[in-house]
Amino acid sequence: MVFAGHDFAAPRKAKDREWAAVAAVLGAGLRYEGFETCGCGREPKYRPHTSAQVRARRRIAARKGLADAQALALRDLGDA
């Protein structure tokens, strides 16, 4: 079992595409955290919600030479 983070909200059981995105995010070493390390505030981090969003970010990573974790954390693909 893996700790997904304090802000993790599990998708419904039948949502296979969403579970695939969760597996990709956790496999890249990212967590669903919005808390800042100092504990002084909250800034929600972006994580992809579907496998299509994961595939799009992985294509960008391959083109730009980014690590999976960097690409999966991008809110806007234009930021790459």
PDB file of N, CA and C in Angstrom:
ATOM      1  N   MET A   1       0.845  -1.171   0.000  1.00  0.00           N
ATOM      2  CA  MET A   1       0.000   0.000   0.000  1.00  0.00           C
ATOM      3  C   MET A   1       0.893   1.237   0.000  1.00  0.00           C
ATOM      4  N   VAL A   2       0.466   2.238  -0.747  1.00  0.00           N
ATOM      5  CA  VAL A   2       1.236   3.465  -0.905  1.00  0.00           C
ATOM      6  C   VAL A   2       0.442   4.630  -0.340  1.00  0.00           C
ATOM      7  N   PHE A   3       1.117   5.507   0.385  1.00  0.00           N
ATOM      8  CA  PHE A   3       0.477   6.723   0.883  1.00  0.00           C
ATOM      9  C   PHE A   3       0.409   7.717  -0.273  1.00  0.00           C
ATOM     10  N   ALA A   4      -0.794   8.079  -0.680  1.00  0.00           N
ATOM     11  CA  ALA A   4      -0.986   8.943  -1.840  1.00  0.00           C
ATOM     12  C   ALA A   4      -0.973  10.428  -1.485  1.00  0.00           C
ATOM     13  N   GLY A   5      -1.059  10.765  -0.243  1.00  0.00           N
ATOM     14  CA  GLY A   5      -1.042  12.171   0.165  1.00  0.00           C
ATOM     15  C   GLY A   5      -2.296  12.554   0.904  1.00  0.00           C
ATOM     16  N   HIS A   6      -2.220  13.664   1.597  1.00  0.00           N
ATOM     17  CA  HIS A   6      -3.345  14.133   2.402  1.00  0.00           C
ATOM     18  C   HIS A   6      -4.534  14.574   1.558  1.00  0.00           C
ATOM     19  N   ASP A   7      -4.291  15.029   0.338  1.00  0.00           N
ATOM     20  CA  ASP A   7      -5.367  15.560  -0.494  1.00  0.00           C
ATOM     21  C   ASP A   7      -5.883  14.553  -1.519  1.00  0.00           C
ATOM     22  N   PHE A   8      -5.557  13.295  -1.370  1.00  0.00           N
ATOM     23  CA  PHE A   8      -5.993  12.277  -2.319  1.00  0.00           C
ATOM     24  C   PHE A   8      -7.477  11.968  -2.143  1.00  0.00           C
ATOM     25  N   ALA A   9      -8.199  12.009  -3.256  1.00  0.00           N
ATOM     26  CA  ALA A   9      -9.605  11.619  -3.277  1.00  0.00           C
ATOM     27  C   ALA A   9      -9.725  10.476  -4.282  1.00  0.00           C
ATOM     28  N   ALA A  10     -10.022   9.301  -3.803  1.00  0.00           N
ATOM     29  CA  ALA A  10     -10.055   8.115  -4.656  1.00  0.00           C
ATOM     30  C   ALA A  10     -11.200   8.190  -5.658  1.00  0.00           C
ATOM     31  N   PRO A  11     -10.927   7.824  -6.923  1.00  0.00           N
ATOM     32  CA  PRO A  11     -12.009   7.742  -7.905  1.00  0.00           C
ATOM     33  C   PRO A  11     -12.921   6.561  -7.589  1.00  0.00           C
ATOM     34  N   ARG A  12     -14.065   6.525  -8.229  1.00  0.00           N
ATOM     35  CA  ARG A  12     -14.969   5.383  -8.055  1.00  0.00           C
ATOM     36  C   ARG A  12     -14.314   4.126  -8.614  1.00  0.00           C
ATOM     37  N   LYS A  13     -14.731   2.969  -8.128  1.00  0.00           N
ATOM     38  CA  LYS A  13     -14.121   1.704  -8.529  1.00  0.00           C
ATOM     39  C   LYS A  13     -14.157   1.473 -10.033  1.00  0.00           C
ATOM     40  N   ALA A  14     -15.228   1.846 -10.689  1.00  0.00           N
ATOM     41  CA  ALA A  14     -15.406   1.555 -12.111  1.00  0.00           C
ATOM     42  C   ALA A  14     -14.665   2.532 -13.028  1.00  0.00           C
ATOM     43  N   LYS A  15     -14.068   3.557 -12.497  1.00  0.00           N
ATOM     44  CA  LYS A  15     -13.380   4.576 -13.306  1.00  0.00           C
ATOM     45  C   LYS A  15     -11.941   4.148 -13.586  1.00  0.00           C
ATOM     46  N   ASP A  16     -11.784   3.213 -14.513  1.00  0.00           N
ATOM     47  CA  ASP A  16     -10.458   2.658 -14.808  1.00  0.00           C
ATOM     48  C   ASP A  16      -9.485   3.702 -15.333  1.00  0.00           C
ATOM     49  N   ARG A  17      -9.953   4.634 -16.148  1.00  0.00           N
ATOM     50  CA  ARG A  17      -9.065   5.664 -16.697  1.00  0.00           C
ATOM     51  C   ARG A  17      -8.526   6.574 -15.597  1.00  0.00           C
ATOM     52  N   GLU A  18      -9.360   6.865 -14.621  1.00  0.00           N
ATOM     53  CA  GLU A  18      -8.908   7.704 -13.509  1.00  0.00           C
ATOM     54  C   GLU A  18      -7.928   6.949 -12.617  1.00  0.00           C
ATOM     55  N   TRP A  19      -8.175   5.654 -12.399  1.00  0.00           N
ATOM     56  CA  TRP A  19      -7.247   4.853 -11.604  1.00  0.00           C
ATOM     57  C   TRP A  19      -5.908   4.700 -12.319  1.00  0.00           C
ATOM     58  N   ALA A  20      -5.926   4.634 -13.656  1.00  0.00           N
ATOM     59  CA  ALA A  20      -4.676   4.570 -14.421  1.00  0.00           C
ATOM     60  C   ALA A  20      -3.876   5.858 -14.227  1.00  0.00           C
ATOM     61  N   ALA A  21      -4.557   6.992 -14.174  1.00  0.00           N
ATOM     62  CA  ALA A  21      -3.880   8.265 -13.929  1.00  0.00           C
ATOM     63  C   ALA A  21      -3.289   8.308 -12.523  1.00  0.00           C
ATOM     64  N   VAL A  22      -4.021   7.803 -11.547  1.00  0.00           N
ATOM     65  CA  VAL A  22      -3.513   7.752 -10.171  1.00  0.00           C
ATOM     66  C   VAL A  22      -2.257   6.880 -10.112  1.00  0.00           C
ATOM     67  N   ALA A  23      -2.286   5.733 -10.781  1.00  0.00           N
ATOM     68  CA  ALA A  23      -1.130   4.833 -10.794  1.00  0.00           C
ATOM     69  C   ALA A  23       0.077   5.498 -11.448  1.00  0.00           C
ATOM     70  N   ALA A  24      -0.147   6.255 -12.520  1.00  0.00           N
ATOM     71  CA  ALA A  24       0.951   6.947 -13.193  1.00  0.00           C
ATOM     72  C   ALA A  24       1.551   8.034 -12.304  1.00  0.00           C
ATOM     73  N   VAL A  25       0.689   8.784 -11.628  1.00  0.00           N
ATOM     74  CA  VAL A  25       1.167   9.857 -10.745  1.00  0.00           C
ATOM     75  C   VAL A  25       1.984   9.274  -9.597  1.00  0.00           C
ATOM     76  N   LEU A  26       1.466   8.243  -8.964  1.00  0.00           N
ATOM     77  CA  LEU A  26       2.196   7.639  -7.843  1.00  0.00           C
ATOM     78  C   LEU A  26       3.454   6.931  -8.328  1.00  0.00           C
ATOM     79  N   GLY A  27       3.400   6.323  -9.507  1.00  0.00           N
ATOM     80  CA  GLY A  27       4.571   5.656 -10.070  1.00  0.00           C
ATOM     81  C   GLY A  27       5.693   6.622 -10.403  1.00  0.00           C
ATOM     82  N   ALA A  28       5.351   7.869 -10.712  1.00  0.00           N
ATOM     83  CA  ALA A  28       6.349   8.894 -11.005  1.00  0.00           C
ATOM     84  C   ALA A  28       6.933   9.496  -9.728  1.00  0.00           C
ATOM     85  N   GLY A  29       6.409   9.078  -8.585  1.00  0.00           N
ATOM     86  CA  GLY A  29       6.933   9.582  -7.319  1.00  0.00           C
ATOM     87  C   GLY A  29       6.226  10.831  -6.809  1.00  0.00           C
ATOM     88  N   LEU A  30       5.137  11.218  -7.435  1.00  0.00           N
ATOM     89  CA  LEU A  30       4.378  12.387  -6.985  1.00  0.00           C
ATOM     90  C   LEU A  30       3.325  11.966  -5.972  1.00  0.00           C
ATOM     91  N   ARG A  31       2.875  12.900  -5.190  1.00  0.00           N
ATOM     92  CA  ARG A  31       1.822  12.664  -4.215  1.00  0.00           C
ATOM     93  C   ARG A  31       0.751  13.724  -4.387  1.00  0.00           C
ATOM     94  N   TYR A  32      -0.396  13.480  -3.827  1.00  0.00           N
ATOM     95  CA  TYR A  32      -1.505  14.434  -3.853  1.00  0.00           C
ATOM     96  C   TYR A  32      -1.435  15.269  -2.581  1.00  0.00           C
ATOM     97  N   GLU A  33      -0.563  16.263  -2.603  1.00  0.00           N
ATOM     98  CA  GLU A  33      -0.342  17.127  -1.448  1.00  0.00           C
ATOM     99  C   GLU A  33      -0.573  18.571  -1.839  1.00  0.00           C
ATOM    100  N   GLY A  34      -1.185  19.328  -0.981  1.00  0.00           N
ATOM    101  CA  GLY A  34      -1.362  20.749  -1.203  1.00  0.00           C
ATOM    102  C   GLY A  34      -0.725  21.567  -0.105  1.00  0.00           C
ATOM    103  N   PHE A  35      -0.251  20.902   0.920  1.00  0.00           N
ATOM    104  CA  PHE A  35       0.349  21.595   2.047  1.00  0.00           C
ATOM    105  C   PHE A  35       1.773  22.006   1.708  1.00  0.00           C
ATOM    106  N   GLU A  36       2.148  23.200   2.089  1.00  0.00           N
ATOM    107  CA  GLU A  36       3.527  23.621   1.923  1.00  0.00           C
ATOM    108  C   GLU A  36       4.364  22.984   3.029  1.00  0.00           C
ATOM    109  N   THR A  37       5.632  22.779   2.759  1.00  0.00           N
ATOM    110  CA  THR A  37       6.482  22.059   3.705  1.00  0.00           C
ATOM    111  C   THR A  37       6.611  22.760   5.047  1.00  0.00           C
ATOM    112  N   CYS A  38       6.507  24.087   5.058  1.00  0.00           N
ATOM    113  CA  CYS A  38       6.638  24.801   6.321  1.00  0.00           C
ATOM    114  C   CYS A  38       5.352  24.758   7.147  1.00  0.00           C
ATOM    115  N   GLY A  39       4.249  24.359   6.520  1.00  0.00           N
ATOM    116  CA  GLY A  39       2.981  24.286   7.230  1.00  0.00           C
ATOM    117  C   GLY A  39       2.259  25.614   7.339  1.00  0.00           C
ATOM    118  N   CYS A  40       2.752  26.632   6.630  1.00  0.00           N
ATOM    119  CA  CYS A  40       2.166  27.966   6.769  1.00  0.00           C
ATOM    120  C   CYS A  40       1.062  28.257   5.757  1.00  0.00           C
ATOM    121  N   GLY A  41       0.813  27.378   4.826  1.00  0.00           N
ATOM    122  CA  GLY A  41      -0.223  27.656   3.839  1.00  0.00           C
ATOM    123  C   GLY A  41      -0.572  26.444   3.008  1.00  0.00           C
ATOM    124  N   ARG A  42      -1.459  26.685   2.076  1.00  0.00           N
ATOM    125  CA  ARG A  42      -1.937  25.615   1.204  1.00  0.00           C
ATOM    126  C   ARG A  42      -1.920  26.096  -0.231  1.00  0.00           C
ATOM    127  N   GLU A  43      -1.324  25.323  -1.098  1.00  0.00           N
ATOM    128  CA  GLU A  43      -1.360  25.601  -2.518  1.00  0.00           C
ATOM    129  C   GLU A  43      -1.577  24.279  -3.234  1.00  0.00           C
ATOM    130  N   PRO A  44      -2.785  24.000  -3.712  1.00  0.00           N
ATOM    131  CA  PRO A  44      -3.047  22.710  -4.349  1.00  0.00           C
ATOM    132  C   PRO A  44      -2.180  22.507  -5.578  1.00  0.00           C
ATOM    133  N   LYS A  45      -1.615  21.332  -5.702  1.00  0.00           N
ATOM    134  CA  LYS A  45      -0.788  20.969  -6.840  1.00  0.00           C
ATOM    135  C   LYS A  45      -1.655  20.286  -7.891  1.00  0.00           C
ATOM    136  N   TYR A  46      -1.330  20.494  -9.157  1.00  0.00           N
ATOM    137  CA  TYR A  46      -2.086  19.856 -10.227  1.00  0.00           C
ATOM    138  C   TYR A  46      -1.632  18.406 -10.389  1.00  0.00           C
ATOM    139  N   ARG A  47      -2.574  17.524 -10.609  1.00  0.00           N
ATOM    140  CA  ARG A  47      -2.318  16.135 -10.975  1.00  0.00           C
ATOM    141  C   ARG A  47      -3.317  15.762 -12.057  1.00  0.00           C
ATOM    142  N   PRO A  48      -2.900  15.023 -13.095  1.00  0.00           N
ATOM    143  CA  PRO A  48      -3.831  14.626 -14.151  1.00  0.00           C
ATOM    144  C   PRO A  48      -4.930  13.724 -13.608  1.00  0.00           C
ATOM    145  N   HIS A  49      -6.121  13.826 -14.211  1.00  0.00           N
ATOM    146  CA  HIS A  49      -7.276  13.070 -13.733  1.00  0.00           C
ATOM    147  C   HIS A  49      -7.598  11.857 -14.594  1.00  0.00           C
ATOM    148  N   THR A  50      -7.155  11.848 -15.848  1.00  0.00           N
ATOM    149  CA  THR A  50      -7.482  10.733 -16.735  1.00  0.00           C
ATOM    150  C   THR A  50      -6.222  10.227 -17.424  1.00  0.00           C
ATOM    151  N   SER A  51      -6.333   9.030 -17.977  1.00  0.00           N
ATOM    152  CA  SER A  51      -5.187   8.458 -18.677  1.00  0.00           C
ATOM    153  C   SER A  51      -4.845   9.258 -19.932  1.00  0.00           C
ATOM    154  N   ALA A  52      -5.826   9.922 -20.552  1.00  0.00           N
ATOM    155  CA  ALA A  52      -5.558  10.766 -21.720  1.00  0.00           C
ATOM    156  C   ALA A  52      -4.675  11.958 -21.336  1.00  0.00           C
ATOM    157  N   GLN A  53      -4.926  12.545 -20.178  1.00  0.00           N
ATOM    158  CA  GLN A  53      -4.092  13.648 -19.711  1.00  0.00           C
ATOM    159  C   GLN A  53      -2.676  13.158 -19.407  1.00  0.00           C
ATOM    160  N   VAL A  54      -2.554  11.953 -18.895  1.00  0.00           N
ATOM    161  CA  VAL A  54      -1.234  11.375 -18.624  1.00  0.00           C
ATOM    162  C   VAL A  54      -0.482  11.169 -19.937  1.00  0.00           C
ATOM    163  N   ARG A  55      -1.161  10.596 -20.941  1.00  0.00           N
ATOM    164  CA  ARG A  55      -0.512  10.355 -22.236  1.00  0.00           C
ATOM    165  C   ARG A  55      -0.046  11.657 -22.869  1.00  0.00           C
ATOM    166  N   ALA A  56      -0.869  12.695 -22.806  1.00  0.00           N
ATOM    167  CA  ALA A  56      -0.494  13.989 -23.386  1.00  0.00           C
ATOM    168  C   ALA A  56       0.743  14.555 -22.697  1.00  0.00           C
ATOM    169  N   ARG A  57       0.804  14.439 -21.398  1.00  0.00           N
ATOM    170  CA  ARG A  57       1.954  14.958 -20.661  1.00  0.00           C
ATOM    171  C   ARG A  57       3.204  14.126 -20.904  1.00  0.00           C
ATOM    172  N   ARG A  58       3.048  12.842 -21.084  1.00  0.00           N
ATOM    173  CA  ARG A  58       4.211  11.993 -21.396  1.00  0.00           C
ATOM    174  C   ARG A  58       4.741  12.272 -22.799  1.00  0.00           C
ATOM    175  N   ARG A  59       3.863  12.598 -23.746  1.00  0.00           N
ATOM    176  CA  ARG A  59       4.321  12.982 -25.091  1.00  0.00           C
ATOM    177  C   ARG A  59       5.129  14.274 -25.016  1.00  0.00           C
ATOM    178  N   ILE A  60       4.651  15.231 -24.247  1.00  0.00           N
ATOM    179  CA  ILE A  60       5.389  16.488 -24.064  1.00  0.00           C
ATOM    180  C   ILE A  60       6.745  16.205 -23.415  1.00  0.00           C
ATOM    181  N   ALA A  61       6.769  15.322 -22.428  1.00  0.00           N
ATOM    182  CA  ALA A  61       8.020  14.989 -21.745  1.00  0.00           C
ATOM    183  C   ALA A  61       9.019  14.386 -22.715  1.00  0.00           C
ATOM    184  N   ALA A  62       8.556  13.523 -23.602  1.00  0.00           N
ATOM    185  CA  ALA A  62       9.456  12.897 -24.568  1.00  0.00           C
ATOM    186  C   ALA A  62      10.009  13.931 -25.545  1.00  0.00           C
ATOM    187  N   ARG A  63       9.167  14.868 -25.962  1.00  0.00           N
ATOM    188  CA  ARG A  63       9.613  15.903 -26.906  1.00  0.00           C
ATOM    189  C   ARG A  63      10.595  16.882 -26.279  1.00  0.00           C
ATOM    190  N   LYS A  64      10.311  17.273 -25.056  1.00  0.00           N
ATOM    191  CA  LYS A  64      11.094  18.325 -24.397  1.00  0.00           C
ATOM    192  C   LYS A  64      12.229  17.795 -23.529  1.00  0.00           C
ATOM    193  N   GLY A  65      12.286  16.485 -23.334  1.00  0.00           N
ATOM    194  CA  GLY A  65      13.330  15.919 -22.499  1.00  0.00           C
ATOM    195  C   GLY A  65      13.089  16.092 -21.005  1.00  0.00           C
ATOM    196  N   LEU A  66      11.838  16.159 -20.607  1.00  0.00           N
ATOM    197  CA  LEU A  66      11.485  16.317 -19.195  1.00  0.00           C
ATOM    198  C   LEU A  66      11.343  14.950 -18.529  1.00  0.00           C
ATOM    199  N   ALA A  67      11.493  14.923 -17.240  1.00  0.00           N
ATOM    200  CA  ALA A  67      11.216  13.715 -16.465  1.00  0.00           C
ATOM    201  C   ALA A  67       9.703  13.548 -16.354  1.00  0.00           C
ATOM    202  N   ASP A  68       9.250  12.308 -16.153  1.00  0.00           N
ATOM    203  CA  ASP A  68       7.818  12.045 -16.020  1.00  0.00           C
ATOM    204  C   ASP A  68       7.194  12.878 -14.907  1.00  0.00           C
ATOM    205  N   ALA A  69       7.873  12.968 -13.773  1.00  0.00           N
ATOM    206  CA  ALA A  69       7.323  13.710 -12.633  1.00  0.00           C
ATOM    207  C   ALA A  69       7.121  15.181 -12.989  1.00  0.00           C
ATOM    208  N   GLN A  70       8.060  15.772 -13.714  1.00  0.00           N
ATOM    209  CA  GLN A  70       7.923  17.173 -14.114  1.00  0.00           C
ATOM    210  C   GLN A  70       6.746  17.350 -15.060  1.00  0.00           C
ATOM    211  N   ALA A  71       6.614  16.448 -16.021  1.00  0.00           N
ATOM    212  CA  ALA A  71       5.544  16.567 -17.012  1.00  0.00           C
ATOM    213  C   ALA A  71       4.174  16.340 -16.386  1.00  0.00           C
ATOM    214  N   LEU A  72       4.061  15.381 -15.478  1.00  0.00           N
ATOM    215  CA  LEU A  72       2.774  15.090 -14.852  1.00  0.00           C
ATOM    216  C   LEU A  72       2.330  16.207 -13.912  1.00  0.00           C
ATOM    217  N   ALA A  73       3.246  17.012 -13.458  1.00  0.00           N
ATOM    218  CA  ALA A  73       2.908  18.115 -12.554  1.00  0.00           C
ATOM    219  C   ALA A  73       2.489  19.375 -13.303  1.00  0.00           C
ATOM    220  N   LEU A  74       2.599  19.383 -14.632  1.00  0.00           N
ATOM    221  CA  LEU A  74       2.236  20.579 -15.414  1.00  0.00           C
ATOM    222  C   LEU A  74       0.721  20.760 -15.460  1.00  0.00           C
ATOM    223  N   ARG A  75       0.267  21.928 -15.058  1.00  0.00           N
ATOM    224  CA  ARG A  75      -1.153  22.240 -15.172  1.00  0.00           C
ATOM    225  C   ARG A  75      -1.502  22.547 -16.623  1.00  0.00           C
ATOM    226  N   ASP A  76      -0.672  23.345 -17.266  1.00  0.00           N
ATOM    227  CA  ASP A  76      -0.897  23.752 -18.646  1.00  0.00           C
ATOM    228  C   ASP A  76       0.232  23.198 -19.504  1.00  0.00           C
ATOM    229  N   LEU A  77      -0.115  22.503 -20.570  1.00  0.00           N
ATOM    230  CA  LEU A  77       0.913  21.911 -21.432  1.00  0.00           C
ATOM    231  C   LEU A  77       1.755  22.957 -22.131  1.00  0.00           C
ATOM    232  N   GLY A  78       1.273  24.153 -22.253  1.00  0.00           N
ATOM    233  CA  GLY A  78       2.035  25.233 -22.862  1.00  0.00           C
ATOM    234  C   GLY A  78       3.177  25.708 -21.988  1.00  0.00           C
ATOM    235  N   ASP A  79       3.177  25.336 -20.720  1.00  0.00           N
ATOM    236  CA  ASP A  79       4.239  25.737 -19.797  1.00  0.00           C
ATOM    237  C   ASP A  79       5.519  24.928 -19.971  1.00  0.00           C
ATOM    238  N   ALA A  80       5.449  23.857 -20.753  1.00  0.00           N
ATOM    239  CA  ALA A  80       6.606  22.953 -20.886  1.00  0.00           C
ATOM    240  C   ALA A  80       7.734  23.583 -21.616  1.00  0.00           C
TER     241      ALA A  80
END
